[in-house]
Amino acid sequence: MLDPVTFGQAISQKRKELGMSQKELAAKIKREDGEPISPQYLNDIEHDRRSPSSDLMVQQFAKVLDLNSDYLYYLAGRIPTDILSKNLPPEKVEKLMVAFRRQIKS
């Protein structure tokens, strides 16, 4: 069985495919205060020492790197805000997880 891809590996691989440096990508990813993340912070994310701190950051990585945001949320272990804000009852979440597991087995 292959090791699962991590959020950091996905970001690093796509950045390299696009020929971007960490400095170039970091300048395009903004924190909530509008300031760009540092290349060191990006390096920590790419080496799985840190996780993206917000949904905004996940969405920006998806847009800049042309990656599917749902896939990045999955790799980051996060649930997108539009789903989380539904405030689903436990039985609905359980049914969705059963359907998800059933789908990944096929």
Foldseek 3Di string as FASTA:
>chain_A
DDDDQALLCVLVVLCVVVVHDLQRLQCQAADPVRGGHHSVVNVCSNVVVDADPDLSRLVSSCVVSVHDSVVSCVNRVHDDPVVVVVVDDPVVVVVVVVVVVVVVVD
